[in-house]
N, C-alpha and C. Protein backbone atom coordinates (compact mmCIF):
# COMPACT_ATOMS: atom_id res chain seq x y z
N MET A 1 17.15 -24.56 -12.75
CA MET A 1 17.78 -25.74 -12.22
C MET A 1 18.68 -25.86 -11.02
N THR A 2 19.40 -24.96 -11.13
CA THR A 2 20.72 -24.51 -10.05
C THR A 2 19.76 -24.68 -8.27
N ASN A 3 18.59 -23.88 -8.37
CA ASN A 3 18.15 -23.33 -7.04
C ASN A 3 16.58 -24.32 -6.91
N MET A 4 16.59 -25.11 -7.02
CA MET A 4 16.02 -26.49 -6.85
C MET A 4 15.49 -26.66 -5.53
N LEU A 5 16.31 -26.87 -4.65
CA LEU A 5 15.79 -27.17 -3.55
C LEU A 5 15.59 -26.22 -2.22
N LEU A 6 16.11 -25.37 -2.67
CA LEU A 6 16.22 -24.08 -2.02
C LEU A 6 14.51 -24.15 -1.58
N LEU A 7 13.60 -23.97 -2.40
CA LEU A 7 12.09 -23.91 -2.16
C LEU A 7 12.03 -25.25 -1.37
N LEU A 8 13.18 -25.95 -0.60
CA LEU A 8 12.62 -27.11 0.19
C LEU A 8 11.87 -25.86 1.39
N PHE A 9 12.60 -24.50 1.20
CA PHE A 9 12.64 -23.98 2.86
C PHE A 9 11.44 -22.52 2.59
N VAL A 10 11.33 -22.05 1.12
CA VAL A 10 11.23 -20.97 1.17
C VAL A 10 10.28 -20.77 0.20
N ALA A 11 9.67 -21.89 -0.74
CA ALA A 11 8.64 -22.00 -1.47
C ALA A 11 7.18 -21.64 -1.41
N GLY A 12 6.46 -21.36 -2.05
CA GLY A 12 4.66 -20.64 -1.31
C GLY A 12 3.93 -20.52 -2.81
N CYS A 13 3.58 -19.48 -2.34
CA CYS A 13 2.71 -19.07 -3.59
C CYS A 13 3.07 -18.00 -4.44
N TYR A 14 2.46 -17.67 -5.52
CA TYR A 14 3.23 -16.33 -6.79
C TYR A 14 2.85 -15.54 -5.95
N CYS A 15 3.53 -14.34 -6.23
CA CYS A 15 2.85 -12.89 -6.12
C CYS A 15 3.09 -12.36 -7.10
N GLU A 16 1.48 -11.58 -7.48
CA GLU A 16 1.65 -11.80 -9.00
C GLU A 16 1.68 -12.10 -10.03
N ASN A 17 2.31 -13.99 -9.86
CA ASN A 17 2.93 -13.95 -10.76
C ASN A 17 4.15 -14.17 -11.07
N THR A 18 4.84 -12.85 -10.67
CA THR A 18 6.49 -12.65 -10.59
C THR A 18 7.62 -12.88 -9.97
N THR A 19 7.29 -12.90 -8.98
CA THR A 19 7.86 -13.90 -7.59
C THR A 19 7.05 -14.82 -7.03
N TYR A 20 8.25 -15.69 -6.06
CA TYR A 20 7.56 -16.60 -5.23
C TYR A 20 7.90 -15.82 -3.96
N THR A 21 6.80 -16.52 -2.99
CA THR A 21 6.83 -15.79 -2.06
C THR A 21 8.17 -15.48 -1.25
N THR A 22 8.28 -14.89 -0.58
CA THR A 22 9.15 -14.34 0.48
C THR A 22 8.94 -14.79 2.12
N LYS A 23 7.57 -15.21 2.23
CA LYS A 23 7.65 -15.96 3.62
C LYS A 23 8.19 -16.78 4.27
N TYR A 24 9.20 -17.83 3.50
CA TYR A 24 9.69 -18.58 4.06
C TYR A 24 11.60 -18.14 4.30
N ASP A 25 11.45 -17.01 4.41
CA ASP A 25 13.11 -16.53 3.76
C ASP A 25 13.40 -16.69 5.29
N GLY A 26 13.23 -16.45 6.23
CA GLY A 26 13.60 -16.33 7.37
C GLY A 26 14.37 -17.43 7.81
N VAL A 27 13.64 -18.38 7.74
CA VAL A 27 13.93 -20.24 7.81
C VAL A 27 15.38 -20.28 7.98
N ASN A 28 15.84 -20.83 9.61
CA ASN A 28 17.06 -21.08 9.58
C ASN A 28 17.69 -22.28 8.95
N LEU A 29 18.56 -22.06 7.73
CA LEU A 29 18.61 -22.95 7.23
C LEU A 29 19.62 -23.91 8.06
N ASP A 30 20.84 -23.47 9.11
CA ASP A 30 21.33 -24.30 9.67
C ASP A 30 20.65 -25.05 10.85
N GLU A 31 19.76 -24.75 11.03
CA GLU A 31 19.07 -25.58 11.81
C GLU A 31 18.53 -27.36 11.44
N ILE A 32 17.97 -26.78 10.18
CA ILE A 32 17.49 -27.96 9.05
C ILE A 32 18.58 -28.80 8.87
N LEU A 33 19.66 -28.07 8.35
CA LEU A 33 20.90 -28.93 7.34
C LEU A 33 21.43 -29.93 8.89
N ALA A 34 21.43 -29.60 10.05
CA ALA A 34 22.17 -30.08 11.27
C ALA A 34 21.28 -31.33 11.54
N SER A 35 19.64 -31.22 11.13
CA SER A 35 18.97 -32.40 11.91
C SER A 35 18.56 -33.15 10.74
N GLU A 36 18.78 -34.00 11.21
CA GLU A 36 18.30 -36.03 10.34
C GLU A 36 16.95 -35.08 10.14
N ARG A 37 16.84 -35.25 11.31
CA ARG A 37 15.13 -35.58 11.86
C ARG A 37 14.14 -34.57 10.31
N LEU A 38 14.71 -32.51 10.47
CA LEU A 38 14.14 -32.02 9.99
C LEU A 38 14.28 -31.98 8.65
N LEU A 39 15.23 -32.64 8.06
CA LEU A 39 16.22 -32.36 6.88
C LEU A 39 14.88 -34.09 5.52
N SER A 40 15.86 -35.07 6.45
CA SER A 40 14.67 -36.27 5.95
C SER A 40 13.25 -35.42 5.98
N SER A 41 12.55 -35.25 6.47
CA SER A 41 11.39 -35.01 6.69
C SER A 41 10.22 -34.19 5.27
N TYR A 42 11.51 -33.28 4.86
CA TYR A 42 11.33 -32.60 3.36
C TYR A 42 11.92 -33.62 2.37
N VAL A 43 12.94 -34.31 3.33
CA VAL A 43 12.88 -35.04 1.46
C VAL A 43 12.23 -36.03 1.29
N LYS A 44 11.73 -36.64 2.07
CA LYS A 44 10.65 -37.68 2.24
C LYS A 44 9.17 -37.24 1.75
N CYS A 45 8.92 -35.70 1.82
CA CYS A 45 7.66 -34.89 1.08
C CYS A 45 8.28 -34.84 -0.15
N LEU A 46 9.52 -34.49 -0.73
CA LEU A 46 9.29 -34.16 -1.63
C LEU A 46 9.41 -35.25 -2.82
N LEU A 47 9.37 -36.12 -2.42
CA LEU A 47 9.95 -37.91 -2.60
C LEU A 47 8.45 -38.50 -2.53
N ASP A 48 7.72 -37.68 -1.99
CA ASP A 48 6.64 -38.99 -2.13
C ASP A 48 6.44 -40.40 -0.95
N LYS A 49 7.08 -40.08 -0.29
CA LYS A 49 7.59 -41.41 0.47
C LYS A 49 6.66 -40.60 1.89
N GLY A 50 6.48 -39.84 2.27
CA GLY A 50 6.05 -39.07 3.64
C GLY A 50 5.08 -37.68 3.43
N PRO A 51 4.40 -37.83 4.79
CA PRO A 51 2.99 -36.44 4.53
C PRO A 51 4.35 -35.29 4.62
N CYS A 52 3.61 -34.21 4.36
CA CYS A 52 4.58 -32.94 3.79
C CYS A 52 3.47 -32.11 4.85
N THR A 53 4.47 -30.41 5.16
CA THR A 53 3.64 -29.42 6.00
C THR A 53 3.07 -28.78 5.04
N PRO A 54 2.03 -27.60 5.73
CA PRO A 54 2.29 -26.91 4.59
C PRO A 54 2.89 -25.93 3.64
N ASP A 55 4.35 -25.79 4.28
CA ASP A 55 5.50 -25.11 3.49
C ASP A 55 5.82 -26.22 2.61
N GLY A 56 5.97 -27.23 2.96
CA GLY A 56 6.26 -28.75 1.99
C GLY A 56 5.26 -28.96 1.27
N LYS A 57 4.01 -28.46 0.95
CA LYS A 57 3.58 -28.60 0.04
C LYS A 57 3.41 -27.65 -0.89
N GLU A 58 3.16 -26.66 -0.99
CA GLU A 58 3.79 -25.03 -1.57
C GLU A 58 5.32 -25.49 -2.65
N LEU A 59 6.25 -26.40 -1.87
CA LEU A 59 7.34 -26.30 -2.62
C LEU A 59 6.75 -27.24 -3.12
N LYS A 60 6.57 -28.40 -3.03
CA LYS A 60 6.10 -29.15 -4.08
C LYS A 60 5.24 -28.96 -5.21
N ASN A 61 4.30 -27.90 -5.07
CA ASN A 61 3.59 -27.18 -6.03
C ASN A 61 4.42 -26.17 -7.00
N ASN A 62 5.37 -25.72 -6.63
CA ASN A 62 5.94 -25.14 -7.29
C ASN A 62 7.61 -25.05 -7.32
N LEU A 63 8.52 -26.52 -7.05
CA LEU A 63 9.49 -26.73 -7.42
C LEU A 63 9.50 -27.22 -9.44
N PRO A 64 8.55 -27.77 -9.68
CA PRO A 64 8.76 -27.67 -10.64
C PRO A 64 8.89 -26.71 -11.79
N ASP A 65 8.02 -25.58 -11.54
CA ASP A 65 8.05 -24.36 -11.99
C ASP A 65 9.64 -23.66 -12.06
N ALA A 66 10.36 -23.41 -10.83
CA ALA A 66 11.94 -23.17 -10.42
C ALA A 66 12.33 -24.05 -11.26
N ILE A 67 12.26 -25.09 -11.51
CA ILE A 67 13.49 -25.92 -11.82
C ILE A 67 13.41 -25.75 -13.41
N GLU A 68 11.79 -25.63 -14.18
CA GLU A 68 11.92 -25.62 -15.55
C GLU A 68 12.38 -23.87 -16.24
N ASN A 69 12.43 -22.89 -15.10
CA ASN A 69 12.47 -21.59 -15.14
C ASN A 69 13.43 -21.36 -14.96
N ASP A 70 14.44 -21.96 -14.16
CA ASP A 70 16.01 -21.71 -13.56
C ASP A 70 15.98 -20.94 -11.98
N CYS A 71 15.26 -20.83 -11.70
CA CYS A 71 14.48 -20.30 -10.70
C CYS A 71 14.31 -18.75 -10.49
N GLN A 72 13.66 -18.15 -11.78
CA GLN A 72 13.89 -16.63 -12.17
C GLN A 72 12.92 -16.10 -11.12
N LYS A 73 11.94 -17.01 -10.43
CA LYS A 73 10.79 -16.41 -9.69
C LYS A 73 11.63 -16.35 -8.03
N CYS A 74 13.18 -16.57 -8.32
CA CYS A 74 13.06 -16.85 -6.73
C CYS A 74 14.28 -15.51 -6.94
N SER A 75 13.80 -14.83 -5.06
CA SER A 75 15.12 -14.16 -4.61
C SER A 75 16.61 -14.54 -4.32
N GLU A 76 17.60 -13.33 -4.76
CA GLU A 76 18.66 -13.56 -4.23
C GLU A 76 19.00 -14.27 -2.99
N ARG A 77 18.16 -14.37 -2.07
CA ARG A 77 18.51 -14.99 -0.55
C ARG A 77 17.93 -16.54 -0.93
N GLN A 78 17.01 -16.32 -1.88
CA GLN A 78 16.47 -17.83 -2.15
C GLN A 78 17.79 -18.55 -3.07
N ARG A 79 17.94 -17.82 -3.73
CA ARG A 79 18.94 -18.84 -4.71
C ARG A 79 20.14 -19.12 -4.28
N VAL A 80 21.12 -18.14 -3.30
CA VAL A 80 22.10 -18.19 -2.69
C VAL A 80 21.54 -19.77 -1.50
N GLY A 81 20.12 -19.43 -0.92
CA GLY A 81 20.11 -20.69 -0.03
C GLY A 81 20.07 -22.02 -0.67
N ALA A 82 19.75 -22.26 -1.88
CA ALA A 82 18.70 -23.30 -2.76
C ALA A 82 20.76 -23.66 -2.87
N ASP A 83 20.97 -23.03 -3.32
CA ASP A 83 22.72 -23.81 -4.00
C ASP A 83 23.44 -24.14 -2.08
N ARG A 84 23.13 -23.59 -1.11
CA ARG A 84 23.29 -24.09 0.12
C ARG A 84 23.02 -25.49 0.58
N VAL A 85 21.75 -25.55 0.34
CA VAL A 85 21.21 -27.18 0.29
C VAL A 85 21.10 -27.89 -0.88
N MET A 86 21.75 -27.46 -1.43
CA MET A 86 21.62 -28.72 -2.58
C MET A 86 23.45 -29.22 -2.55
N GLN A 87 24.34 -28.15 -2.12
CA GLN A 87 25.54 -28.80 -1.62
C GLN A 87 25.81 -29.28 -0.84
N TYR A 88 25.25 -28.78 0.23
CA TYR A 88 25.08 -29.66 1.58
C TYR A 88 24.60 -31.50 1.42
N ILE A 89 23.33 -31.62 0.60
CA ILE A 89 22.83 -32.73 0.49
C ILE A 89 23.88 -33.51 -0.90
N ILE A 90 24.60 -33.13 -1.60
CA ILE A 90 25.04 -33.48 -2.60
C ILE A 90 26.46 -34.18 -1.38
N ASP A 91 27.14 -33.67 -0.59
CA ASP A 91 27.87 -33.68 -0.60
C ASP A 91 27.47 -35.08 0.94
N ASN A 92 27.16 -34.68 1.61
CA ASN A 92 26.33 -35.40 3.08
C ASN A 92 25.28 -36.46 3.24
N ARG A 93 24.69 -36.33 1.71
CA ARG A 93 23.22 -37.37 1.51
C ARG A 93 23.45 -37.86 0.53
N PRO A 94 24.50 -38.37 -0.62
CA PRO A 94 24.60 -38.64 -1.48
C PRO A 94 23.08 -39.65 -2.53
N GLU A 95 22.72 -40.29 -1.47
CA GLU A 95 21.58 -40.84 -1.86
C GLU A 95 20.28 -40.44 -1.26
N ASP A 96 20.32 -39.83 -1.05
CA ASP A 96 19.04 -38.90 -0.74
C ASP A 96 18.83 -38.10 -2.58
N TRP A 97 20.23 -37.49 -2.59
CA TRP A 97 20.11 -36.56 -3.95
C TRP A 97 20.28 -37.16 -5.04
N ASP A 98 20.74 -38.41 -5.06
CA ASP A 98 20.33 -39.22 -6.56
C ASP A 98 19.03 -39.34 -6.71
N GLU A 99 17.72 -39.44 -5.32
CA GLU A 99 16.77 -40.04 -5.93
C GLU A 99 15.64 -38.75 -5.87
N LEU A 100 16.29 -37.07 -5.36
CA LEU A 100 16.00 -36.12 -5.49
C LEU A 100 16.00 -35.89 -7.68
N GLU A 101 17.80 -35.42 -7.52
CA GLU A 101 17.72 -36.08 -9.17
C GLU A 101 17.06 -36.34 -10.11
N LYS A 102 16.61 -37.79 -9.60
CA LYS A 102 15.81 -38.59 -10.65
C LYS A 102 14.78 -38.11 -10.26
N MET A 103 14.03 -37.44 -9.61
CA MET A 103 12.84 -37.02 -9.81
C MET A 103 12.44 -35.58 -10.21
N TYR A 104 13.82 -34.50 -9.68
CA TYR A 104 13.66 -33.09 -10.25
C TYR A 104 14.58 -32.59 -11.34
N ASN A 105 15.82 -33.55 -11.55
CA ASN A 105 16.63 -33.21 -12.39
C ASN A 105 17.43 -33.97 -13.09
N GLU A 106 16.78 -34.89 -13.54
CA GLU A 106 17.33 -36.04 -14.17
C GLU A 106 18.22 -35.81 -15.33
N ASP A 107 18.53 -34.69 -16.03
CA ASP A 107 19.70 -34.56 -16.64
C ASP A 107 21.29 -34.48 -16.28
N GLY A 108 20.67 -34.00 -14.57
CA GLY A 108 21.93 -33.86 -13.93
C GLY A 108 22.67 -32.55 -13.81
N SER A 109 22.32 -31.69 -14.79
CA SER A 109 23.05 -30.30 -14.75
C SER A 109 23.77 -29.48 -13.95
N TYR A 110 22.50 -29.61 -12.89
CA TYR A 110 22.91 -29.00 -11.13
C TYR A 110 24.33 -29.40 -10.37
N LYS A 111 23.73 -30.98 -10.71
CA LYS A 111 25.53 -31.40 -9.78
C LYS A 111 26.79 -31.22 -10.69
N LYS A 112 26.50 -31.62 -11.74
CA LYS A 112 27.81 -30.97 -13.11
C LYS A 112 28.09 -29.90 -12.67
N LYS A 113 27.38 -28.97 -12.61
CA LYS A 113 27.77 -27.60 -12.76
C LYS A 113 28.87 -27.15 -10.92
N TYR A 114 28.03 -27.82 -10.07
CA TYR A 114 28.80 -27.49 -8.79
C TYR A 114 29.75 -28.08 -9.03
N LEU A 115 30.13 -29.74 -9.09
CA LEU A 115 31.55 -30.31 -9.41
C LEU A 115 32.57 -29.25 -9.54
N GLU A 116 32.45 -28.94 -11.16
CA GLU A 116 32.86 -28.41 -11.88
C GLU A 116 33.29 -27.04 -10.78
N ARG A 117 32.31 -26.03 -10.05
CA ARG A 117 32.64 -25.12 -9.43
C ARG A 117 33.99 -25.69 -8.17
N LYS A 118 33.59 -26.83 -7.56
CA LYS A 118 33.64 -26.99 -6.63
C LYS A 118 35.35 -27.49 -6.96
N GLU A 119 35.44 -28.05 -8.04
CA GLU A 119 36.95 -28.36 -8.49
C GLU A 119 37.76 -27.04 -8.81
N ALA A 120 36.99 -26.75 -9.81
CA ALA A 120 37.79 -24.42 -9.88
C ALA A 120 38.29 -24.24 -8.46
N LEU A 121 37.60 -23.96 -7.48
CA LEU A 121 37.99 -23.62 -6.50
C LEU A 121 38.90 -24.52 -5.78
N LYS A 122 39.22 -25.69 -5.91
CA LYS A 122 40.01 -26.36 -4.89
C LYS A 122 41.19 -25.73 -6.04
N SER A 123 41.08 -26.19 -7.30
CA SER A 123 42.68 -25.81 -8.31
C SER A 123 43.17 -24.31 -7.56
N SER A 124 42.33 -23.28 -7.52
CA SER A 124 42.61 -22.29 -7.39
C SER A 124 43.18 -22.05 -6.11
N LEU A 125 42.31 -22.99 -5.23
CA LEU A 125 43.13 -22.52 -3.59
C LEU A 125 44.70 -23.28 -3.56
N GLU A 126 45.11 -25.09 -4.45
CA GLU A 126 45.90 -25.31 -4.23
C GLU A 126 47.12 -24.10 -5.47
N ILE A 127 46.91 -23.62 -6.09
CA ILE A 127 47.74 -22.85 -6.32
C ILE A 127 48.13 -21.65 -5.88
N ARG A 128 47.26 -20.94 -5.16
CA ARG A 128 47.89 -20.46 -4.13
C ARG A 128 48.54 -20.54 -3.27
N ASN A 129 48.65 -21.79 -2.97
CA ASN A 129 49.46 -22.42 -1.62
C ASN A 129 50.74 -22.98 -2.14
């Protein structure tokens, strides 16, 4: 569950059913997160509100498995990227997050963990100052 959205950019076919493809690991997440148009098109694809690119289609096919199995088939780069993308959407596009969460993470477990980590980090920084 903690890695469901990284697959927006790295999802693909299974490689011998042990890992997801690393075919999309070179995607520039900064470019996507900085572009309203690009990010919105991925979100719309995932929400069945717009067309999907080939990698978007692969994502939609693999996302339920990745969520169910806590992204066990993801590479470390995919896990880090997933957290980054999800944190960005939670913090900057809460309406999109609400819709994605309803569709892919109904229990809200990822957002809860993220907010707890964020608060702990904030407290840690305050103690140091």
